[in-house]
Amino acid sequence: MLDIGSGRVAPDYPYLDLADRITCIDWKPRIIPPTPDKIEICSGNFLDMDIPEASYDAAICADVFEHVPLEQEAAFAAAAVRVLRPGGLLIVSVPHAGRHAWLDPFQVKPAIHRVLSRLGLYSRTHNGSCDIRKGHKHYGAAEIEAAFAPLVPVATRCWGYLCDPLLSWSEGLGHKTGIAPFRSWLTRGCAAEFGRDYGPASFNMAMALRKAPAA
């Protein structure tokens, strides 16, 4: 299995039981030792890595695609498709274009930079881990299906609702001020929301897409 944009890799790595061999790729992987024997960690840009075609039975792209610059989206998707073996499965999770997407606190900074750019006061299109033109983009199912074609969707799950973005706001305030209002209540609310599918109103979405089997 290939984990694209794995982030934190620790002994409690969440997908450890899903494969016999796991490769984790991230710009700056957070490694908390000891690393399980079955995990290989690669630091760098997924698009710059010479990964042999059809190397993996499965790949995970969790909360990554929304951070890929616009010019690289097509290449990123094509690379994810290329490394899958015939019949292989790709899991993509992204913020969902649901009813409460506008409450996403991670939209604030890119929105400010986007305004400054239009005023000629900001020269970059990419700030930190975010393309200011996209912001922390929320996607619909049709957008993800089109982006990763010719993979075929086999399952879609949506989760999260109002407490999800509000908890992010609370935790953000906590980092700045030391006070995270309603954090305990919102944490409990999030746990309850994650167990339900709110459909078009959901804040998060994951889609499983399968590569065509060999002829």
N, C-alpha and C. Protein backbone atom coordinates (compact mmCIF):
# COMPACT_ATOMS: atom_id res chain seq x y z
N MET A 1 0.84 -1.19 0.00
CA MET A 1 0.00 0.00 0.00
C MET A 1 0.88 1.24 0.00
N LEU A 2 0.46 2.26 -0.72
CA LEU A 2 1.16 3.54 -0.76
C LEU A 2 0.30 4.58 -0.06
N ASP A 3 0.90 5.28 0.90
CA ASP A 3 0.22 6.36 1.62
C ASP A 3 0.84 7.68 1.15
N ILE A 4 0.10 8.42 0.32
CA ILE A 4 0.58 9.65 -0.28
C ILE A 4 0.23 10.82 0.63
N GLY A 5 1.24 11.51 1.16
CA GLY A 5 0.98 12.59 2.11
C GLY A 5 0.63 12.04 3.46
N SER A 6 1.45 11.12 3.95
CA SER A 6 1.13 10.35 5.15
C SER A 6 1.14 11.19 6.42
N GLY A 7 1.96 12.25 6.47
CA GLY A 7 2.04 13.05 7.69
C GLY A 7 2.71 12.26 8.80
N ARG A 8 2.01 12.13 9.92
CA ARG A 8 2.55 11.45 11.10
C ARG A 8 2.65 9.94 10.89
N VAL A 9 3.86 9.38 11.18
CA VAL A 9 4.05 7.93 11.14
C VAL A 9 4.57 7.50 12.50
N ALA A 10 3.79 6.69 13.19
CA ALA A 10 4.10 6.30 14.56
C ALA A 10 3.74 4.83 14.76
N PRO A 11 4.09 4.25 15.91
CA PRO A 11 3.73 2.84 16.15
C PRO A 11 2.23 2.56 16.03
N ASP A 12 1.39 3.58 16.27
CA ASP A 12 -0.06 3.38 16.15
C ASP A 12 -0.59 3.80 14.77
N TYR A 13 0.28 3.75 13.76
CA TYR A 13 -0.12 4.10 12.39
C TYR A 13 -1.46 3.43 12.05
N PRO A 14 -2.47 4.20 11.62
CA PRO A 14 -3.85 3.69 11.55
C PRO A 14 -4.11 2.62 10.50
N TYR A 15 -3.27 2.55 9.45
CA TYR A 15 -3.54 1.59 8.38
C TYR A 15 -2.60 0.39 8.43
N LEU A 16 -1.97 0.16 9.58
CA LEU A 16 -0.93 -0.85 9.70
C LEU A 16 -1.41 -2.25 9.34
N ASP A 17 -2.65 -2.56 9.64
CA ASP A 17 -3.16 -3.91 9.41
C ASP A 17 -3.74 -4.11 8.01
N LEU A 18 -3.64 -3.10 7.16
CA LEU A 18 -4.28 -3.18 5.84
C LEU A 18 -3.37 -3.74 4.75
N ALA A 19 -2.08 -3.88 5.03
CA ALA A 19 -1.16 -4.34 3.98
C ALA A 19 0.08 -4.98 4.61
N ASP A 20 0.74 -5.82 3.82
CA ASP A 20 1.98 -6.45 4.28
C ASP A 20 3.19 -5.54 4.08
N ARG A 21 3.09 -4.61 3.14
CA ARG A 21 4.17 -3.66 2.87
C ARG A 21 3.56 -2.29 2.63
N ILE A 22 4.06 -1.28 3.34
CA ILE A 22 3.48 0.06 3.26
C ILE A 22 4.60 1.07 3.00
N THR A 23 4.38 1.93 2.01
CA THR A 23 5.29 3.04 1.74
C THR A 23 4.59 4.34 2.08
N CYS A 24 5.19 5.13 2.97
CA CYS A 24 4.63 6.43 3.36
C CYS A 24 5.47 7.54 2.74
N ILE A 25 4.81 8.43 2.01
CA ILE A 25 5.50 9.55 1.36
C ILE A 25 4.94 10.86 1.90
N ASP A 26 5.84 11.78 2.24
CA ASP A 26 5.39 13.09 2.69
C ASP A 26 6.53 14.09 2.51
N TRP A 27 6.16 15.37 2.29
CA TRP A 27 7.17 16.43 2.21
C TRP A 27 8.04 16.44 3.46
N LYS A 28 7.38 16.44 4.62
CA LYS A 28 8.08 16.48 5.90
C LYS A 28 7.40 15.48 6.84
N PRO A 29 7.69 14.20 6.70
CA PRO A 29 7.02 13.21 7.54
C PRO A 29 7.36 13.42 9.02
N ARG A 30 6.34 13.30 9.85
CA ARG A 30 6.54 13.37 11.30
C ARG A 30 6.74 11.95 11.80
N ILE A 31 7.97 11.60 12.12
CA ILE A 31 8.29 10.22 12.49
C ILE A 31 8.42 10.12 14.01
N ILE A 32 7.59 9.26 14.58
CA ILE A 32 7.63 8.99 16.02
C ILE A 32 8.05 7.54 16.18
N PRO A 33 9.30 7.29 16.56
CA PRO A 33 9.80 5.91 16.61
C PRO A 33 9.17 5.12 17.77
N PRO A 34 9.24 3.79 17.67
CA PRO A 34 9.87 3.02 16.59
C PRO A 34 8.92 2.85 15.40
N THR A 35 9.48 2.88 14.20
CA THR A 35 8.68 2.69 12.99
C THR A 35 8.44 1.19 12.77
N PRO A 36 7.19 0.77 12.59
CA PRO A 36 6.92 -0.65 12.34
C PRO A 36 7.73 -1.18 11.15
N ASP A 37 8.18 -2.42 11.24
CA ASP A 37 9.07 -3.00 10.23
C ASP A 37 8.48 -2.96 8.82
N LYS A 38 7.18 -3.10 8.71
CA LYS A 38 6.58 -3.18 7.37
C LYS A 38 6.46 -1.82 6.67
N ILE A 39 6.80 -0.72 7.38
CA ILE A 39 6.65 0.62 6.82
C ILE A 39 7.98 1.17 6.32
N GLU A 40 7.98 1.65 5.09
CA GLU A 40 9.10 2.40 4.53
C GLU A 40 8.68 3.86 4.40
N ILE A 41 9.53 4.78 4.85
CA ILE A 41 9.19 6.20 4.84
C ILE A 41 10.07 6.91 3.82
N CYS A 42 9.44 7.67 2.92
CA CYS A 42 10.15 8.44 1.90
C CYS A 42 9.80 9.92 2.07
N SER A 43 10.82 10.76 2.15
CA SER A 43 10.61 12.20 2.29
C SER A 43 10.81 12.88 0.95
N GLY A 44 9.82 13.67 0.53
CA GLY A 44 9.94 14.39 -0.73
C GLY A 44 8.61 14.56 -1.43
N ASN A 45 8.68 15.06 -2.65
CA ASN A 45 7.49 15.33 -3.47
C ASN A 45 7.10 14.06 -4.22
N PHE A 46 5.88 13.62 -4.03
CA PHE A 46 5.38 12.43 -4.71
C PHE A 46 5.61 12.49 -6.21
N LEU A 47 5.43 13.68 -6.81
CA LEU A 47 5.56 13.81 -8.25
C LEU A 47 7.00 13.72 -8.73
N ASP A 48 7.95 13.90 -7.84
CA ASP A 48 9.37 13.83 -8.22
C ASP A 48 9.97 12.44 -8.03
N MET A 49 9.17 11.52 -7.50
CA MET A 49 9.70 10.19 -7.18
C MET A 49 9.50 9.23 -8.34
N ASP A 50 10.53 8.46 -8.62
CA ASP A 50 10.50 7.50 -9.73
C ASP A 50 9.94 6.18 -9.23
N ILE A 51 8.63 6.13 -9.06
CA ILE A 51 7.97 4.93 -8.57
C ILE A 51 7.58 4.06 -9.76
N PRO A 52 8.00 2.81 -9.80
CA PRO A 52 7.66 1.95 -10.94
C PRO A 52 6.15 1.83 -11.13
N GLU A 53 5.76 1.72 -12.37
CA GLU A 53 4.33 1.58 -12.70
C GLU A 53 3.78 0.29 -12.11
N ALA A 54 2.52 0.33 -11.70
CA ALA A 54 1.81 -0.84 -11.18
C ALA A 54 2.56 -1.49 -10.02
N SER A 55 2.98 -0.67 -9.04
CA SER A 55 3.77 -1.18 -7.90
C SER A 55 2.91 -1.53 -6.69
N TYR A 56 1.70 -1.00 -6.62
CA TYR A 56 0.92 -1.11 -5.39
C TYR A 56 -0.48 -1.65 -5.65
N ASP A 57 -0.94 -2.44 -4.68
CA ASP A 57 -2.32 -2.95 -4.73
C ASP A 57 -3.33 -1.89 -4.31
N ALA A 58 -2.87 -0.95 -3.48
CA ALA A 58 -3.76 0.08 -2.98
C ALA A 58 -2.97 1.34 -2.67
N ALA A 59 -3.65 2.48 -2.70
CA ALA A 59 -3.05 3.76 -2.34
C ALA A 59 -4.07 4.58 -1.56
N ILE A 60 -3.56 5.36 -0.62
CA ILE A 60 -4.40 6.25 0.18
C ILE A 60 -3.91 7.68 -0.02
N CYS A 61 -4.85 8.58 -0.25
CA CYS A 61 -4.55 10.00 -0.40
C CYS A 61 -5.52 10.75 0.53
N ALA A 62 -5.13 10.87 1.81
CA ALA A 62 -6.04 11.39 2.83
C ALA A 62 -5.76 12.86 3.12
N ASP A 63 -6.70 13.71 2.79
CA ASP A 63 -6.61 15.15 3.05
C ASP A 63 -5.35 15.75 2.43
N VAL A 64 -5.11 15.41 1.16
CA VAL A 64 -3.93 15.87 0.44
C VAL A 64 -4.30 16.61 -0.84
N PHE A 65 -5.27 16.09 -1.59
CA PHE A 65 -5.55 16.61 -2.92
C PHE A 65 -5.95 18.08 -2.89
N GLU A 66 -6.58 18.52 -1.81
CA GLU A 66 -6.99 19.93 -1.72
C GLU A 66 -5.79 20.86 -1.60
N HIS A 67 -4.61 20.32 -1.27
CA HIS A 67 -3.40 21.13 -1.13
C HIS A 67 -2.53 21.13 -2.39
N VAL A 68 -2.88 20.32 -3.38
CA VAL A 68 -2.07 20.23 -4.60
C VAL A 68 -2.31 21.47 -5.46
N PRO A 69 -1.25 22.16 -5.92
CA PRO A 69 -1.44 23.34 -6.77
C PRO A 69 -2.24 23.01 -8.03
N LEU A 70 -2.99 23.99 -8.51
CA LEU A 70 -3.86 23.77 -9.67
C LEU A 70 -3.12 23.17 -10.85
N GLU A 71 -1.90 23.67 -11.13
CA GLU A 71 -1.15 23.20 -12.29
C GLU A 71 -0.70 21.76 -12.15
N GLN A 72 -0.69 21.23 -10.92
CA GLN A 72 -0.18 19.89 -10.68
C GLN A 72 -1.28 18.86 -10.45
N GLU A 73 -2.53 19.29 -10.40
CA GLU A 73 -3.62 18.36 -10.09
C GLU A 73 -3.66 17.19 -11.08
N ALA A 74 -3.61 17.48 -12.38
CA ALA A 74 -3.72 16.42 -13.38
C ALA A 74 -2.55 15.45 -13.28
N ALA A 75 -1.33 15.99 -13.09
CA ALA A 75 -0.15 15.13 -12.97
C ALA A 75 -0.21 14.29 -11.70
N PHE A 76 -0.69 14.88 -10.62
CA PHE A 76 -0.82 14.16 -9.36
C PHE A 76 -1.78 12.99 -9.50
N ALA A 77 -2.94 13.25 -10.08
CA ALA A 77 -3.94 12.19 -10.26
C ALA A 77 -3.41 11.10 -11.18
N ALA A 78 -2.75 11.49 -12.27
CA ALA A 78 -2.22 10.51 -13.22
C ALA A 78 -1.16 9.63 -12.55
N ALA A 79 -0.33 10.23 -11.69
CA ALA A 79 0.70 9.46 -11.00
C ALA A 79 0.09 8.47 -10.02
N ALA A 80 -0.98 8.89 -9.33
CA ALA A 80 -1.65 7.99 -8.40
C ALA A 80 -2.28 6.81 -9.14
N VAL A 81 -2.82 7.06 -10.31
CA VAL A 81 -3.41 5.99 -11.13
C VAL A 81 -2.30 5.07 -11.64
N ARG A 82 -1.19 5.64 -12.06
CA ARG A 82 -0.11 4.87 -12.69
C ARG A 82 0.51 3.85 -11.75
N VAL A 83 0.67 4.21 -10.47
CA VAL A 83 1.36 3.30 -9.54
C VAL A 83 0.48 2.13 -9.09
N LEU A 84 -0.82 2.19 -9.38
CA LEU A 84 -1.72 1.10 -8.99
C LEU A 84 -1.61 -0.08 -9.94
N ARG A 85 -1.67 -1.27 -9.39
CA ARG A 85 -1.75 -2.47 -10.21
C ARG A 85 -3.17 -2.59 -10.77
N PRO A 86 -3.34 -3.34 -11.86
CA PRO A 86 -4.70 -3.57 -12.38
C PRO A 86 -5.59 -4.14 -11.28
N GLY A 87 -6.77 -3.57 -11.15
CA GLY A 87 -7.68 -3.97 -10.08
C GLY A 87 -7.41 -3.28 -8.76
N GLY A 88 -6.36 -2.43 -8.71
CA GLY A 88 -5.98 -1.77 -7.47
C GLY A 88 -6.98 -0.71 -7.04
N LEU A 89 -6.91 -0.34 -5.76
CA LEU A 89 -7.89 0.56 -5.17
C LEU A 89 -7.20 1.83 -4.66
N LEU A 90 -7.80 2.97 -4.97
CA LEU A 90 -7.34 4.26 -4.46
C LEU A 90 -8.42 4.85 -3.56
N ILE A 91 -8.01 5.27 -2.35
CA ILE A 91 -8.93 5.93 -1.42
C ILE A 91 -8.54 7.40 -1.34
N VAL A 92 -9.45 8.28 -1.67
CA VAL A 92 -9.20 9.72 -1.63
C VAL A 92 -10.17 10.36 -0.65
N SER A 93 -9.64 11.09 0.33
CA SER A 93 -10.51 11.86 1.23
C SER A 93 -10.20 13.34 1.08
N VAL A 94 -11.25 14.15 1.04
CA VAL A 94 -11.14 15.59 0.84
C VAL A 94 -12.23 16.29 1.65
N PRO A 95 -12.07 17.60 1.89
CA PRO A 95 -13.20 18.37 2.42
C PRO A 95 -14.34 18.33 1.40
N HIS A 96 -15.56 18.20 1.90
CA HIS A 96 -16.71 18.04 1.02
C HIS A 96 -17.46 19.36 0.84
N ALA A 97 -17.93 19.58 -0.37
CA ALA A 97 -18.66 20.80 -0.69
C ALA A 97 -20.10 20.71 -0.17
N GLY A 98 -20.21 20.63 1.14
CA GLY A 98 -21.52 20.52 1.77
C GLY A 98 -22.02 21.85 2.30
N ARG A 99 -23.08 21.78 3.05
CA ARG A 99 -23.79 22.98 3.51
C ARG A 99 -22.91 23.88 4.38
N HIS A 100 -21.98 23.28 5.14
CA HIS A 100 -21.20 24.07 6.08
C HIS A 100 -19.76 24.30 5.62
N ALA A 101 -19.49 24.07 4.33
CA ALA A 101 -18.13 24.27 3.82
C ALA A 101 -17.65 25.70 4.05
N TRP A 102 -18.55 26.66 4.02
CA TRP A 102 -18.17 28.07 4.17
C TRP A 102 -17.63 28.38 5.57
N LEU A 103 -17.85 27.47 6.54
CA LEU A 103 -17.36 27.69 7.90
C LEU A 103 -15.92 27.21 8.10
N ASP A 104 -15.32 26.65 7.08
CA ASP A 104 -13.98 26.07 7.19
C ASP A 104 -12.97 27.17 7.57
N PRO A 105 -12.32 27.08 8.75
CA PRO A 105 -11.36 28.13 9.13
C PRO A 105 -10.11 28.14 8.27
N PHE A 106 -9.81 27.01 7.62
CA PHE A 106 -8.62 26.95 6.78
C PHE A 106 -8.78 27.69 5.46
N GLN A 107 -9.96 28.27 5.23
CA GLN A 107 -10.19 29.09 4.06
C GLN A 107 -9.76 30.54 4.28
N VAL A 108 -9.59 30.93 5.54
CA VAL A 108 -9.41 32.35 5.85
C VAL A 108 -8.09 32.90 5.29
N LYS A 109 -6.97 32.26 5.63
CA LYS A 109 -5.67 32.78 5.21
C LYS A 109 -5.53 32.83 3.69
N PRO A 110 -5.87 31.73 2.95
CA PRO A 110 -5.76 31.84 1.49
C PRO A 110 -6.69 32.88 0.89
N ALA A 111 -7.85 33.09 1.50
CA ALA A 111 -8.76 34.10 0.99
C ALA A 111 -8.15 35.50 1.13
N ILE A 112 -7.50 35.76 2.26
CA ILE A 112 -6.84 37.05 2.46
C ILE A 112 -5.72 37.24 1.44
N HIS A 113 -4.90 36.19 1.25
CA HIS A 113 -3.80 36.29 0.28
C HIS A 113 -4.31 36.45 -1.14
N ARG A 114 -5.45 35.83 -1.43
CA ARG A 114 -6.03 35.95 -2.77
C ARG A 114 -6.46 37.40 -3.03
N VAL A 115 -7.06 38.04 -2.04
CA VAL A 115 -7.45 39.45 -2.18
C VAL A 115 -6.22 40.33 -2.35
N LEU A 116 -5.20 40.08 -1.55
CA LEU A 116 -3.96 40.86 -1.65
C LEU A 116 -3.31 40.67 -3.01
N SER A 117 -3.38 39.45 -3.54
CA SER A 117 -2.81 39.17 -4.86
C SER A 117 -3.53 39.96 -5.94
N ARG A 118 -4.85 40.02 -5.85
CA ARG A 118 -5.62 40.76 -6.85
C ARG A 118 -5.36 42.26 -6.77
N LEU A 119 -4.94 42.71 -5.60
CA LEU A 119 -4.60 44.12 -5.43
C LEU A 119 -3.14 44.41 -5.79
N GLY A 120 -2.42 43.35 -6.19
CA GLY A 120 -1.02 43.51 -6.55
C GLY A 120 -0.08 43.58 -5.37
N LEU A 121 -0.53 43.14 -4.18
CA LEU A 121 0.27 43.25 -2.97
C LEU A 121 0.87 41.92 -2.53
N TYR A 122 0.58 40.86 -3.27
CA TYR A 122 1.07 39.52 -2.91
C TYR A 122 1.44 38.81 -4.19
N SER A 123 2.70 38.37 -4.30
CA SER A 123 3.19 37.89 -5.60
C SER A 123 3.12 36.39 -5.79
N ARG A 124 2.88 35.64 -4.72
CA ARG A 124 2.91 34.17 -4.83
C ARG A 124 1.51 33.60 -5.03
N THR A 125 1.46 32.41 -5.60
CA THR A 125 0.17 31.70 -5.71
C THR A 125 0.08 30.57 -4.70
N HIS A 126 1.20 30.28 -4.02
CA HIS A 126 1.22 29.18 -3.08
C HIS A 126 1.78 29.68 -1.76
N ASN A 127 1.05 29.47 -0.70
CA ASN A 127 1.48 29.91 0.62
C ASN A 127 1.47 28.73 1.57
N GLY A 128 2.63 28.37 2.09
CA GLY A 128 2.69 27.22 2.99
C GLY A 128 2.28 25.96 2.27
N SER A 129 1.20 25.35 2.73
CA SER A 129 0.72 24.11 2.11
C SER A 129 -0.54 24.33 1.30
N CYS A 130 -0.78 25.58 0.88
CA CYS A 130 -2.06 25.89 0.24
C CYS A 130 -1.88 26.75 -1.00
N ASP A 131 -2.56 26.38 -2.08
CA ASP A 131 -2.65 27.19 -3.28
C ASP A 131 -3.72 28.24 -3.01
N ILE A 132 -3.34 29.52 -3.00
CA ILE A 132 -4.30 30.56 -2.61
C ILE A 132 -5.47 30.65 -3.57
N ARG A 133 -5.29 30.17 -4.81
CA ARG A 133 -6.40 30.21 -5.77
C ARG A 133 -7.47 29.17 -5.42
N LYS A 134 -7.06 28.08 -4.81
CA LYS A 134 -7.99 27.03 -4.41
C LYS A 134 -8.49 27.23 -2.99
N GLY A 135 -7.62 27.80 -2.14
CA GLY A 135 -7.93 27.81 -0.73
C GLY A 135 -7.91 26.38 -0.22
N HIS A 136 -8.65 26.13 0.84
CA HIS A 136 -8.82 24.77 1.36
C HIS A 136 -10.06 24.21 0.68
N LYS A 137 -9.91 23.87 -0.60
CA LYS A 137 -11.03 23.58 -1.48
C LYS A 137 -11.87 22.40 -0.99
N HIS A 138 -13.19 22.57 -1.08
CA HIS A 138 -14.13 21.50 -0.80
C HIS A 138 -14.65 20.96 -2.13
N TYR A 139 -14.65 19.64 -2.27
CA TYR A 139 -14.98 19.00 -3.53
C TYR A 139 -16.32 18.27 -3.47
N GLY A 140 -16.93 18.17 -4.64
CA GLY A 140 -18.08 17.29 -4.81
C GLY A 140 -17.62 15.95 -5.36
N ALA A 141 -18.48 14.94 -5.25
CA ALA A 141 -18.12 13.59 -5.71
C ALA A 141 -17.79 13.58 -7.20
N ALA A 142 -18.54 14.34 -8.00
CA ALA A 142 -18.30 14.35 -9.45
C ALA A 142 -16.92 14.91 -9.78
N GLU A 143 -16.45 15.90 -9.00
CA GLU A 143 -15.12 16.48 -9.25
C GLU A 143 -14.02 15.45 -9.00
N ILE A 144 -14.13 14.68 -7.93
CA ILE A 144 -13.12 13.67 -7.62
C ILE A 144 -13.16 12.54 -8.64
N GLU A 145 -14.35 12.13 -9.03
CA GLU A 145 -14.47 11.09 -10.05
C GLU A 145 -13.82 11.54 -11.35
N ALA A 146 -14.06 12.78 -11.75
CA ALA A 146 -13.48 13.29 -13.00
C ALA A 146 -11.96 13.43 -12.89
N ALA A 147 -11.48 13.90 -11.74
CA ALA A 147 -10.05 14.13 -11.57
C ALA A 147 -9.25 12.84 -11.65
N PHE A 148 -9.80 11.74 -11.14
CA PHE A 148 -9.05 10.49 -11.08
C PHE A 148 -9.51 9.47 -12.11
N ALA A 149 -10.24 9.91 -13.11
CA ALA A 149 -10.57 9.02 -14.23
C ALA A 149 -9.26 8.58 -14.88
N PRO A 150 -9.18 7.33 -15.36
CA PRO A 150 -10.27 6.38 -15.62
C PRO A 150 -10.62 5.45 -14.46
N LEU A 151 -10.15 5.74 -13.25
CA LEU A 151 -10.58 4.91 -12.12
C LEU A 151 -12.09 5.01 -11.97
N VAL A 152 -12.69 3.94 -11.50
CA VAL A 152 -14.15 3.88 -11.38
C VAL A 152 -14.54 3.90 -9.90
N PRO A 153 -15.41 4.83 -9.47
CA PRO A 153 -15.84 4.86 -8.06
C PRO A 153 -16.59 3.58 -7.69
N VAL A 154 -16.24 3.05 -6.53
CA VAL A 154 -16.94 1.85 -6.04
C VAL A 154 -17.64 2.11 -4.72
N ALA A 155 -17.27 3.18 -4.02
CA ALA A 155 -17.94 3.52 -2.76
C ALA A 155 -17.61 4.96 -2.40
N THR A 156 -18.59 5.64 -1.79
CA THR A 156 -18.39 7.01 -1.31
C THR A 156 -19.00 7.11 0.08
N ARG A 157 -18.28 7.73 0.98
CA ARG A 157 -18.80 7.94 2.33
C ARG A 157 -18.60 9.40 2.71
N CYS A 158 -19.63 10.00 3.28
CA CYS A 158 -19.56 11.37 3.76
C CYS A 158 -19.78 11.37 5.27
N TRP A 159 -19.12 12.30 5.97
CA TRP A 159 -19.28 12.37 7.41
C TRP A 159 -18.95 13.78 7.88
N GLY A 160 -19.27 14.04 9.13
CA GLY A 160 -19.02 15.37 9.70
C GLY A 160 -20.12 16.34 9.32
N TYR A 161 -20.32 17.32 10.19
CA TYR A 161 -21.41 18.27 9.95
C TYR A 161 -21.01 19.62 10.56
N LEU A 162 -21.74 20.15 11.47
CA LEU A 162 -21.51 21.49 12.00
C LEU A 162 -20.39 21.54 13.03
N CYS A 163 -20.30 20.52 13.90
CA CYS A 163 -19.29 20.54 14.97
C CYS A 163 -17.88 20.45 14.42
N ASP A 164 -17.71 19.83 13.25
CA ASP A 164 -16.38 19.63 12.67
C ASP A 164 -15.67 20.97 12.42
N PRO A 165 -16.24 21.89 11.63
CA PRO A 165 -15.55 23.18 11.44
C PRO A 165 -15.49 24.02 12.70
N LEU A 166 -16.52 23.95 13.53
CA LEU A 166 -16.51 24.75 14.76
C LEU A 166 -15.41 24.29 15.71
N LEU A 167 -15.13 22.99 15.76
CA LEU A 167 -14.04 22.50 16.59
C LEU A 167 -12.69 23.02 16.08
N SER A 168 -12.53 23.08 14.76
CA SER A 168 -11.29 23.62 14.20
C SER A 168 -11.11 25.08 14.60
N TRP A 169 -12.19 25.84 14.58
CA TRP A 169 -12.12 27.24 15.03
C TRP A 169 -11.71 27.31 16.50
N SER A 170 -12.33 26.45 17.32
CA SER A 170 -12.04 26.45 18.75
C SER A 170 -10.58 26.10 19.02
N GLU A 171 -10.08 25.05 18.34
CA GLU A 171 -8.69 24.64 18.56
C GLU A 171 -7.72 25.71 18.05
N GLY A 172 -8.07 26.37 16.94
CA GLY A 172 -7.24 27.45 16.45
C GLY A 172 -7.13 28.58 17.45
N LEU A 173 -8.25 28.94 18.06
CA LEU A 173 -8.23 29.99 19.08
C LEU A 173 -7.42 29.54 20.29
N GLY A 174 -7.52 28.24 20.58
CA GLY A 174 -6.76 27.71 21.72
C GLY A 174 -5.27 27.82 21.52
N HIS A 175 -4.81 27.58 20.28
CA HIS A 175 -3.38 27.70 19.99
C HIS A 175 -2.90 29.14 20.14
N LYS A 176 -3.77 30.08 19.81
CA LYS A 176 -3.38 31.49 19.85
C LYS A 176 -3.50 32.09 21.26
N THR A 177 -4.55 31.69 21.99
CA THR A 177 -4.87 32.36 23.26
C THR A 177 -4.75 31.46 24.48
N GLY A 178 -4.68 30.15 24.25
CA GLY A 178 -4.69 29.22 25.38
C GLY A 178 -6.08 28.89 25.86
N ILE A 179 -7.08 29.46 25.23
CA ILE A 179 -8.48 29.19 25.60
C ILE A 179 -9.22 28.69 24.36
N ALA A 180 -9.73 27.46 24.44
CA ALA A 180 -10.47 26.86 23.33
C ALA A 180 -11.94 26.74 23.72
N PRO A 181 -12.76 27.71 23.36
CA PRO A 181 -14.15 27.73 23.81
C PRO A 181 -14.94 26.51 23.32
N PHE A 182 -15.69 25.91 24.26
CA PHE A 182 -16.59 24.80 23.97
C PHE A 182 -15.87 23.57 23.40
N ARG A 183 -14.56 23.46 23.63
CA ARG A 183 -13.80 22.37 23.00
C ARG A 183 -14.33 21.00 23.40
N SER A 184 -14.58 20.78 24.68
CA SER A 184 -15.06 19.46 25.14
C SER A 184 -16.39 19.11 24.50
N TRP A 185 -17.30 20.08 24.47
CA TRP A 185 -18.63 19.84 23.89
C TRP A 185 -18.51 19.57 22.39
N LEU A 186 -17.68 20.36 21.70
CA LEU A 186 -17.52 20.18 20.25
C LEU A 186 -16.82 18.87 19.92
N THR A 187 -15.88 18.45 20.76
CA THR A 187 -15.21 17.16 20.54
C THR A 187 -16.20 16.02 20.63
N ARG A 188 -17.08 16.07 21.61
CA ARG A 188 -18.13 15.04 21.72
C ARG A 188 -19.07 15.11 20.52
N GLY A 189 -19.39 16.32 20.10
CA GLY A 189 -20.26 16.47 18.94
C GLY A 189 -19.63 15.91 17.68
N CYS A 190 -18.33 16.15 17.51
CA CYS A 190 -17.63 15.61 16.34
C CYS A 190 -17.66 14.09 16.33
N ALA A 191 -17.42 13.49 17.49
CA ALA A 191 -17.43 12.03 17.57
C ALA A 191 -18.78 11.48 17.14
N ALA A 192 -19.85 12.15 17.53
CA ALA A 192 -21.18 11.71 17.13
C ALA A 192 -21.42 11.93 15.64
N GLU A 193 -20.92 13.05 15.12
CA GLU A 193 -21.09 13.34 13.69
C GLU A 193 -20.35 12.36 12.81
N PHE A 194 -19.16 11.92 13.24
CA PHE A 194 -18.34 11.03 12.42
C PHE A 194 -18.99 9.66 12.23
N GLY A 195 -19.94 9.34 13.09
CA GLY A 195 -20.62 8.07 12.94
C GLY A 195 -21.83 8.13 12.02
N ARG A 196 -22.09 9.31 11.43
CA ARG A 196 -23.27 9.47 10.57
C ARG A 196 -22.89 10.03 9.22
N ASP A 197 -23.66 9.64 8.21
CA ASP A 197 -23.49 10.17 6.86
C ASP A 197 -24.56 11.22 6.63
N TYR A 198 -24.12 12.47 6.46
CA TYR A 198 -25.06 13.57 6.27
C TYR A 198 -25.27 13.89 4.79
N GLY A 199 -24.77 13.02 3.92
CA GLY A 199 -25.00 13.17 2.49
C GLY A 199 -24.51 14.50 1.96
N PRO A 200 -25.34 15.20 1.19
CA PRO A 200 -24.91 16.47 0.56
C PRO A 200 -24.51 17.55 1.56
N ALA A 201 -24.91 17.41 2.82
CA ALA A 201 -24.59 18.43 3.81
C ALA A 201 -23.29 18.13 4.56
N SER A 202 -22.66 17.00 4.30
CA SER A 202 -21.49 16.59 5.06
C SER A 202 -20.29 17.50 4.83
N PHE A 203 -19.40 17.53 5.82
CA PHE A 203 -18.22 18.39 5.77
C PHE A 203 -17.01 17.67 5.17
N ASN A 204 -17.01 16.33 5.21
CA ASN A 204 -15.90 15.54 4.69
C ASN A 204 -16.42 14.45 3.75
N MET A 205 -15.56 13.99 2.86
CA MET A 205 -15.95 12.94 1.92
C MET A 205 -14.75 12.05 1.63
N ALA A 206 -15.00 10.76 1.54
CA ALA A 206 -13.98 9.80 1.09
C ALA A 206 -14.58 8.98 -0.04
N MET A 207 -13.77 8.74 -1.07
CA MET A 207 -14.22 7.95 -2.22
C MET A 207 -13.20 6.86 -2.51
N ALA A 208 -13.70 5.67 -2.73
CA ALA A 208 -12.87 4.55 -3.16
C ALA A 208 -13.05 4.38 -4.67
N LEU A 209 -11.92 4.34 -5.38
CA LEU A 209 -11.96 4.21 -6.84
C LEU A 209 -11.06 3.04 -7.24
N ARG A 210 -11.54 2.25 -8.20
CA ARG A 210 -10.80 1.05 -8.58
C ARG A 210 -10.28 1.16 -10.01
N LYS A 211 -9.06 0.65 -10.21
CA LYS A 211 -8.46 0.58 -11.53
C LYS A 211 -8.97 -0.66 -12.25
N ALA A 212 -9.19 -0.55 -13.53
CA ALA A 212 -9.71 -1.67 -14.29
C ALA A 212 -8.78 -2.86 -14.19
N PRO A 213 -9.32 -4.08 -14.02
CA PRO A 213 -8.47 -5.26 -13.97
C PRO A 213 -7.80 -5.52 -15.32
N ALA A 214 -6.74 -6.31 -15.31
CA ALA A 214 -6.04 -6.64 -16.54
C ALA A 214 -6.96 -7.39 -17.50
N ALA A 215 -6.80 -7.12 -18.77
CA ALA A 215 -7.65 -7.77 -19.78
C ALA A 215 -7.31 -9.26 -19.86
